[in-house]
PDB file of N, CA and C in Angstrom:
ATOM      1  N   MET A   1      22.559  -4.564  -6.715  1.00  0.00           N
ATOM      2  CA  MET A   1      23.002  -2.962  -6.824  1.00  0.00           C
ATOM      3  C   MET A   1      24.203  -2.108  -6.697  1.00  0.00           C
ATOM      4  N   ALA A   2      24.947  -1.518  -7.811  1.00  0.00           N
ATOM      5  CA  ALA A   2      26.083  -1.415  -6.910  1.00  0.00           C
ATOM      6  C   ALA A   2      25.922  -0.383  -7.816  1.00  0.00           C
ATOM      7  N   PRO A   3      27.214   1.047  -8.256  1.00  0.00           N
ATOM      8  CA  PRO A   3      27.118   2.263  -8.973  1.00  0.00           C
ATOM      9  C   PRO A   3      28.047   2.072 -10.292  1.00  0.00           C
ATOM     10  N   ALA A   4      27.501   2.262 -11.569  1.00  0.00           N
ATOM     11  CA  ALA A   4      28.531   1.968 -12.177  1.00  0.00           C
ATOM     12  C   ALA A   4      29.838   2.135 -12.113  1.00  0.00           C
ATOM     13  N   GLN A   5      30.729   1.531 -12.612  1.00  0.00           N
ATOM     14  CA  GLN A   5      31.769   1.677 -13.083  1.00  0.00           C
ATOM     15  C   GLN A   5      32.614   0.858 -11.250  1.00  0.00           C
ATOM     16  N   THR A   6      31.601   0.511 -10.730  1.00  0.00           N
ATOM     17  CA  THR A   6      32.356   0.477  -9.759  1.00  0.00           C
ATOM     18  C   THR A   6      33.436  -1.551  -9.661  1.00  0.00           C
ATOM     19  N   PRO A   7      34.144  -1.215  -8.966  1.00  0.00           N
ATOM     20  CA  PRO A   7      35.221  -2.407  -9.499  1.00  0.00           C
ATOM     21  C   PRO A   7      35.079  -3.953  -9.480  1.00  0.00           C
ATOM     22  N   PRO A   8      35.855  -4.609 -10.229  1.00  0.00           N
ATOM     23  CA  PRO A   8      34.713  -6.456 -10.201  1.00  0.00           C
ATOM     24  C   PRO A   8      34.880  -6.692  -8.577  1.00  0.00           C
ATOM     25  N   ASP A   9      35.927  -6.612  -8.373  1.00  0.00           N
ATOM     26  CA  ASP A   9      36.505  -7.287  -7.201  1.00  0.00           C
ATOM     27  C   ASP A   9      35.707  -6.807  -5.685  1.00  0.00           C
ATOM     28  N   ILE A  10      35.318  -5.541  -5.667  1.00  0.00           N
ATOM     29  CA  ILE A  10      34.258  -4.847  -4.587  1.00  0.00           C
ATOM     30  C   ILE A  10      33.193  -5.680  -5.296  1.00  0.00           C
ATOM     31  N   VAL A  11      32.175  -5.973  -7.121  1.00  0.00           N
ATOM     32  CA  VAL A  11      31.179  -6.958  -7.023  1.00  0.00           C
ATOM     33  C   VAL A  11      31.181  -7.999  -6.597  1.00  0.00           C
ATOM     34  N   THR A  12      32.087  -9.091  -6.173  1.00  0.00           N
ATOM     35  CA  THR A  12      32.303 -10.306  -6.214  1.00  0.00           C
ATOM     36  C   THR A  12      32.215 -10.590  -5.195  1.00  0.00           C
ATOM     37  N   GLN A  13      32.971  -9.420  -4.034  1.00  0.00           N
ATOM     38  CA  GLN A  13      32.827  -9.168  -3.028  1.00  0.00           C
ATOM     39  C   GLN A  13      31.381  -9.585  -2.355  1.00  0.00           C
ATOM     40  N   LEU A  14      30.772  -7.697  -2.952  1.00  0.00           N
ATOM     41  CA  LEU A  14      29.433  -8.133  -2.291  1.00  0.00           C
ATOM     42  C   LEU A  14      28.759  -9.150  -2.544  1.00  0.00           C
ATOM     43  N   GLY A  15      28.546  -9.447  -3.523  1.00  0.00           N
ATOM     44  CA  GLY A  15      28.119 -10.847  -4.204  1.00  0.00           C
ATOM     45  C   GLY A  15      28.334 -11.937  -3.031  1.00  0.00           C
ATOM     46  N   ARG A  16      29.566 -12.417  -3.252  1.00  0.00           N
ATOM     47  CA  ARG A  16      29.486 -13.316  -1.988  1.00  0.00           C
ATOM     48  C   ARG A  16      28.789 -12.535  -0.431  1.00  0.00           C
ATOM     49  N   GLU A  17      28.489 -11.085  -0.064  1.00  0.00           N
ATOM     50  CA  GLU A  17      28.492 -11.318   1.236  1.00  0.00           C
ATOM     51  C   GLU A  17      27.070 -11.654   1.175  1.00  0.00           C
ATOM     52  N   ILE A  18      26.553 -10.974   0.042  1.00  0.00           N
ATOM     53  CA  ILE A  18      25.077 -11.215   0.012  1.00  0.00           C
ATOM     54  C   ILE A  18      24.660 -12.643   0.024  1.00  0.00           C
ATOM     55  N   ALA A  19      25.108 -13.400  -0.849  1.00  0.00           N
ATOM     56  CA  ALA A  19      24.641 -14.864  -0.939  1.00  0.00           C
ATOM     57  C   ALA A  19      24.794 -15.389   0.372  1.00  0.00           C
ATOM     58  N   THR A  20      25.866 -15.097   1.322  1.00  0.00           N
ATOM     59  CA  THR A  20      26.013 -15.155   2.414  1.00  0.00           C
ATOM     60  C   THR A  20      24.635 -14.515   3.554  1.00  0.00           C
ATOM     61  N   VAL A  21      24.549 -13.848   3.318  1.00  0.00           N
ATOM     62  CA  VAL A  21      23.210 -13.273   4.459  1.00  0.00           C
ATOM     63  C   VAL A  21      22.556 -14.035   3.979  1.00  0.00           C
ATOM     64  N   MET A  22      21.790 -14.263   2.554  1.00  0.00           N
ATOM     65  CA  MET A  22      20.211 -14.684   2.400  1.00  0.00           C
ATOM     66  C   MET A  22      20.388 -16.284   2.484  1.00  0.00           C
ATOM     67  N   THR A  23      21.414 -16.175   3.457  1.00  0.00           N
ATOM     68  CA  THR A  23      21.498 -18.381   3.693  1.00  0.00           C
ATOM     69  C   THR A  23      20.673 -17.918   4.721  1.00  0.00           C
ATOM     70  N   LEU A  24      20.652 -17.499   6.082  1.00  0.00           N
ATOM     71  CA  LEU A  24      20.286 -17.439   7.361  1.00  0.00           C
ATOM     72  C   LEU A  24      18.741 -17.056   7.235  1.00  0.00           C
ATOM     73  N   PRO A  25      18.593 -18.059   8.502  1.00  0.00           N
ATOM     74  CA  PRO A  25      16.994 -18.586   8.326  1.00  0.00           C
ATOM     75  C   PRO A  25      15.962 -17.211   8.820  1.00  0.00           C
ATOM     76  N   ASP A  26      16.500 -16.814   9.647  1.00  0.00           N
ATOM     77  CA  ASP A  26      15.756 -15.046  10.302  1.00  0.00           C
ATOM     78  C   ASP A  26      15.944 -14.203   8.749  1.00  0.00           C
ATOM     79  N   ILE A  27      16.636 -15.087   8.012  1.00  0.00           N
ATOM     80  CA  ILE A  27      16.626 -13.466   6.582  1.00  0.00           C
ATOM     81  C   ILE A  27      15.843 -14.231   5.542  1.00  0.00           C
ATOM     82  N   ARG A  28      16.021 -15.132   6.053  1.00  0.00           N
ATOM     83  CA  ARG A  28      14.617 -15.427   4.971  1.00  0.00           C
ATOM     84  C   ARG A  28      13.405 -15.775   4.951  1.00  0.00           C
ATOM     85  N   ALA A  29      12.974 -16.068   6.607  1.00  0.00           N
ATOM     86  CA  ALA A  29      12.093 -15.529   6.562  1.00  0.00           C
ATOM     87  C   ALA A  29      11.611 -14.583   6.743  1.00  0.00           C
ATOM     88  N   ARG A  30      12.511 -13.148   7.646  1.00  0.00           N
ATOM     89  CA  ARG A  30      11.565 -12.152   7.192  1.00  0.00           C
ATOM     90  C   ARG A  30      10.841 -12.048   5.565  1.00  0.00           C
ATOM     91  N   LEU A  31      12.683 -11.631   4.751  1.00  0.00           N
ATOM     92  CA  LEU A  31      12.352 -11.322   3.439  1.00  0.00           C
ATOM     93  C   LEU A  31      10.285 -11.985   3.014  1.00  0.00           C
ATOM     94  N   LEU A  32      10.665 -13.480   3.264  1.00  0.00           N
ATOM     95  CA  LEU A  32       9.013 -14.552   2.640  1.00  0.00           C
ATOM     96  C   LEU A  32       8.070 -13.572   3.503  1.00  0.00           C
ATOM     97  N   ALA A  33       8.112 -13.224   4.929  1.00  0.00           N
ATOM     98  CA  ALA A  33       7.164 -12.716   5.820  1.00  0.00           C
ATOM     99  C   ALA A  33       6.561 -11.174   4.493  1.00  0.00           C
ATOM    100  N   LEU A  34       7.245 -10.882   4.113  1.00  0.00           N
ATOM    101  CA  LEU A  34       7.317  -9.410   3.587  1.00  0.00           C
ATOM    102  C   LEU A  34       7.076  -9.725   1.680  1.00  0.00           C
ATOM    103  N   GLY A  35       6.631 -11.463   1.637  1.00  0.00           N
ATOM    104  CA  GLY A  35       6.363 -11.538   0.439  1.00  0.00           C
ATOM    105  C   GLY A  35       7.254 -11.527  -0.873  1.00  0.00           C
ATOM    106  N   SER A  36       8.387 -11.748  -0.552  1.00  0.00           N
ATOM    107  CA  SER A  36       9.621 -11.770  -1.756  1.00  0.00           C
ATOM    108  C   SER A  36      10.104 -13.377  -1.580  1.00  0.00           C
ATOM    109  N   GLU A  37      10.798 -13.537  -2.588  1.00  0.00           N
ATOM    110  CA  GLU A  37      10.858 -14.780  -2.673  1.00  0.00           C
ATOM    111  C   GLU A  37      12.590 -15.043  -2.680  1.00  0.00           C
ATOM    112  N   PRO A  38      13.209 -15.479  -1.563  1.00  0.00           N
ATOM    113  CA  PRO A  38      15.275 -15.210  -1.910  1.00  0.00           C
ATOM    114  C   PRO A  38      15.406 -15.996  -2.844  1.00  0.00           C
ATOM    115  N   ALA A  39      16.452 -15.282  -3.581  1.00  0.00           N
ATOM    116  CA  ALA A  39      16.756 -16.519  -5.048  1.00  0.00           C
ATOM    117  C   ALA A  39      18.355 -16.637  -4.268  1.00  0.00           C
ATOM    118  N   ASP A  40      18.759 -17.659  -5.271  1.00  0.00           N
ATOM    119  CA  ASP A  40      20.313 -17.897  -5.093  1.00  0.00           C
ATOM    120  C   ASP A  40      20.504 -16.665  -6.120  1.00  0.00           C
ATOM    121  N   SER A  41      21.447 -16.610  -5.967  1.00  0.00           N
ATOM    122  CA  SER A  41      22.352 -15.691  -7.324  1.00  0.00           C
ATOM    123  C   SER A  41      23.589 -15.240  -7.617  1.00  0.00           C
ATOM    124  N   ASN A  42      24.068 -14.402  -8.537  1.00  0.00           N
ATOM    125  CA  ASN A  42      25.487 -14.138  -8.560  1.00  0.00           C
ATOM    126  C   ASN A  42      25.568 -12.589  -9.109  1.00  0.00           C
ATOM    127  N   PRO A  43      26.616 -12.003  -9.249  1.00  0.00           N
ATOM    128  CA  PRO A  43      26.699 -10.484 -10.088  1.00  0.00           C
ATOM    129  C   PRO A  43      25.990 -10.653 -10.928  1.00  0.00           C
ATOM    130  N   SER A  44      26.542 -11.884 -11.699  1.00  0.00           N
ATOM    131  CA  SER A  44      26.135 -11.853 -13.554  1.00  0.00           C
ATOM    132  C   SER A  44      25.095 -13.038 -14.287  1.00  0.00           C
ATOM    133  N   SER A  45      24.240 -13.418 -12.930  1.00  0.00           N
ATOM    134  CA  SER A  45      23.134 -13.738 -13.263  1.00  0.00           C
ATOM    135  C   SER A  45      22.148 -12.845 -13.089  1.00  0.00           C
ATOM    136  N   PHE A  46      22.469 -12.394 -12.160  1.00  0.00           N
ATOM    137  CA  PHE A  46      21.585 -10.797 -11.550  1.00  0.00           C
ATOM    138  C   PHE A  46      21.683 -10.230 -12.359  1.00  0.00           C
ATOM    139  N   ALA A  47      22.518  -9.788 -13.424  1.00  0.00           N
ATOM    140  CA  ALA A  47      22.688  -7.698 -14.609  1.00  0.00           C
ATOM    141  C   ALA A  47      22.019  -9.232 -15.489  1.00  0.00           C
ATOM    142  N   ALA A  48      22.244 -10.406 -16.428  1.00  0.00           N
ATOM    143  CA  ALA A  48      21.598 -10.706 -16.838  1.00  0.00           C
ATOM    144  C   ALA A  48      19.939 -10.795 -16.408  1.00  0.00           C
ATOM    145  N   PHE A  49      19.334 -11.254 -15.637  1.00  0.00           N
ATOM    146  CA  PHE A  49      17.998 -10.932 -15.338  1.00  0.00           C
ATOM    147  C   PHE A  49      18.052  -9.745 -15.397  1.00  0.00           C
ATOM    148  N   ILE A  50      18.136  -8.016 -14.805  1.00  0.00           N
ATOM    149  CA  ILE A  50      17.567  -7.238 -14.992  1.00  0.00           C
ATOM    150  C   ILE A  50      18.202  -6.819 -17.106  1.00  0.00           C
ATOM    151  N   ARG A  51      19.094  -7.637 -17.341  1.00  0.00           N
ATOM    152  CA  ARG A  51      18.899  -6.625 -18.844  1.00  0.00           C
ATOM    153  C   ARG A  51      17.686  -7.093 -19.278  1.00  0.00           C
ATOM    154  N   SER A  52      16.938  -9.287 -18.949  1.00  0.00           N
ATOM    155  CA  SER A  52      16.065  -9.605 -19.840  1.00  0.00           C
ATOM    156  C   SER A  52      14.808  -9.031 -19.687  1.00  0.00           C
ATOM    157  N   GLU A  53      14.197  -8.006 -17.726  1.00  0.00           N
ATOM    158  CA  GLU A  53      13.464  -7.420 -17.295  1.00  0.00           C
ATOM    159  C   GLU A  53      12.689  -6.284 -18.567  1.00  0.00           C
ATOM    160  N   ALA A  54      14.713  -5.669 -18.187  1.00  0.00           N
ATOM    161  CA  ALA A  54      14.069  -3.995 -18.961  1.00  0.00           C
ATOM    162  C   ALA A  54      13.999  -4.196 -20.307  1.00  0.00           C
ATOM    163  N   GLU A  55      14.208  -5.130 -21.042  1.00  0.00           N
ATOM    164  CA  GLU A  55      13.726  -5.298 -22.615  1.00  0.00           C
ATOM    165  C   GLU A  55      12.249  -6.035 -22.112  1.00  0.00           C
ATOM    166  N   LYS A  56      11.879  -7.205 -21.669  1.00  0.00           N
ATOM    167  CA  LYS A  56      10.416  -7.285 -21.378  1.00  0.00           C
ATOM    168  C   LYS A  56       9.652  -6.109 -21.491  1.00  0.00           C
ATOM    169  N   TRP A  57      10.065  -5.399 -19.966  1.00  0.00           N
ATOM    170  CA  TRP A  57       8.829  -4.405 -19.122  1.00  0.00           C
ATOM    171  C   TRP A  57       9.433  -2.822 -20.514  1.00  0.00           C
ATOM    172  N   GLY A  58      10.406  -2.930 -20.778  1.00  0.00           N
ATOM    173  CA  GLY A  58      10.198  -2.019 -22.124  1.00  0.00           C
ATOM    174  C   GLY A  58       9.024  -1.774 -22.670  1.00  0.00           C
ATOM    175  N   GLU A  59       9.327  -3.106 -24.076  1.00  0.00           N
ATOM    176  CA  GLU A  59       8.841  -3.920 -24.558  1.00  0.00           C
ATOM    177  C   GLU A  59       7.400  -3.398 -24.492  1.00  0.00           C
ATOM    178  N   ILE A  60       6.971  -3.422 -23.551  1.00  0.00           N
ATOM    179  CA  ILE A  60       5.358  -3.690 -22.821  1.00  0.00           C
ATOM    180  C   ILE A  60       5.074  -1.765 -22.823  1.00  0.00           C
ATOM    181  N   VAL A  61       6.021  -1.095 -22.184  1.00  0.00           N
ATOM    182  CA  VAL A  61       5.853   0.092 -22.393  1.00  0.00           C
ATOM    183  C   VAL A  61       5.229   1.212 -23.233  1.00  0.00           C
ATOM    184  N   ARG A  62       6.030   1.028 -24.226  1.00  0.00           N
ATOM    185  CA  ARG A  62       6.179   1.252 -25.806  1.00  0.00           C
ATOM    186  C   ARG A  62       5.167   0.595 -26.694  1.00  0.00           C
ATOM    187  N   SER A  63       4.414  -0.323 -26.424  1.00  0.00           N
ATOM    188  CA  SER A  63       2.956  -0.592 -27.509  1.00  0.00           C
ATOM    189  C   SER A  63       2.197  -0.328 -26.587  1.00  0.00           C
ATOM    190  N   SER A  64       2.422   0.161 -25.245  1.00  0.00           N
ATOM    191  CA  SER A  64       1.194   0.895 -24.475  1.00  0.00           C
ATOM    192  C   SER A  64       0.983   1.820 -24.481  1.00  0.00           C
ATOM    193  N   GLY A  65       2.226   2.653 -24.834  1.00  0.00           N
ATOM    194  CA  GLY A  65       1.664   4.497 -25.602  1.00  0.00           C
ATOM    195  C   GLY A  65       1.823   4.984 -24.206  1.00  0.00           C
ATOM    196  N   ALA A  66       2.549   4.669 -23.729  1.00  0.00           N
ATOM    197  CA  ALA A  66       2.534   5.092 -22.049  1.00  0.00           C
ATOM    198  C   ALA A  66       3.451   6.232 -21.990  1.00  0.00           C
ATOM    199  N   ARG A  67       3.405   7.308 -21.357  1.00  0.00           N
ATOM    200  CA  ARG A  67       4.136   8.122 -21.288  1.00  0.00           C
ATOM    201  C   ARG A  67       4.456   8.940 -19.248  1.00  0.00           C
ATOM    202  N   ALA A  68       5.630   9.153 -19.423  1.00  0.00           N
ATOM    203  CA  ALA A  68       5.609   9.422 -17.689  1.00  0.00           C
ATOM    204  C   ALA A  68       5.312  10.942 -17.737  1.00  0.00           C
ATOM    205  N   ASP A  69       5.194  11.572 -17.351  1.00  0.00           N
ATOM    206  CA  ASP A  69       4.471  12.946 -16.914  1.00  0.00           C
ATOM    207  C   ASP A  69       5.490  14.005 -16.151  1.00  0.00           C
TER     208      ASP A  69
END
């Protein structure tokens, strides 16, 4: 995640750096130990994932009638 309006070249650089870090065995092992599954991704596929999750969970929340207090 990055703030809205982050320049595309910065987003690309962050994506490359994160992808590099995610290949480090100690990082992968730590994430797995914490119950996370490290996944290969890039900024555009991550954005698509976030959009699809927001749609899916938004519909579930709307249909449940749940409200934030």
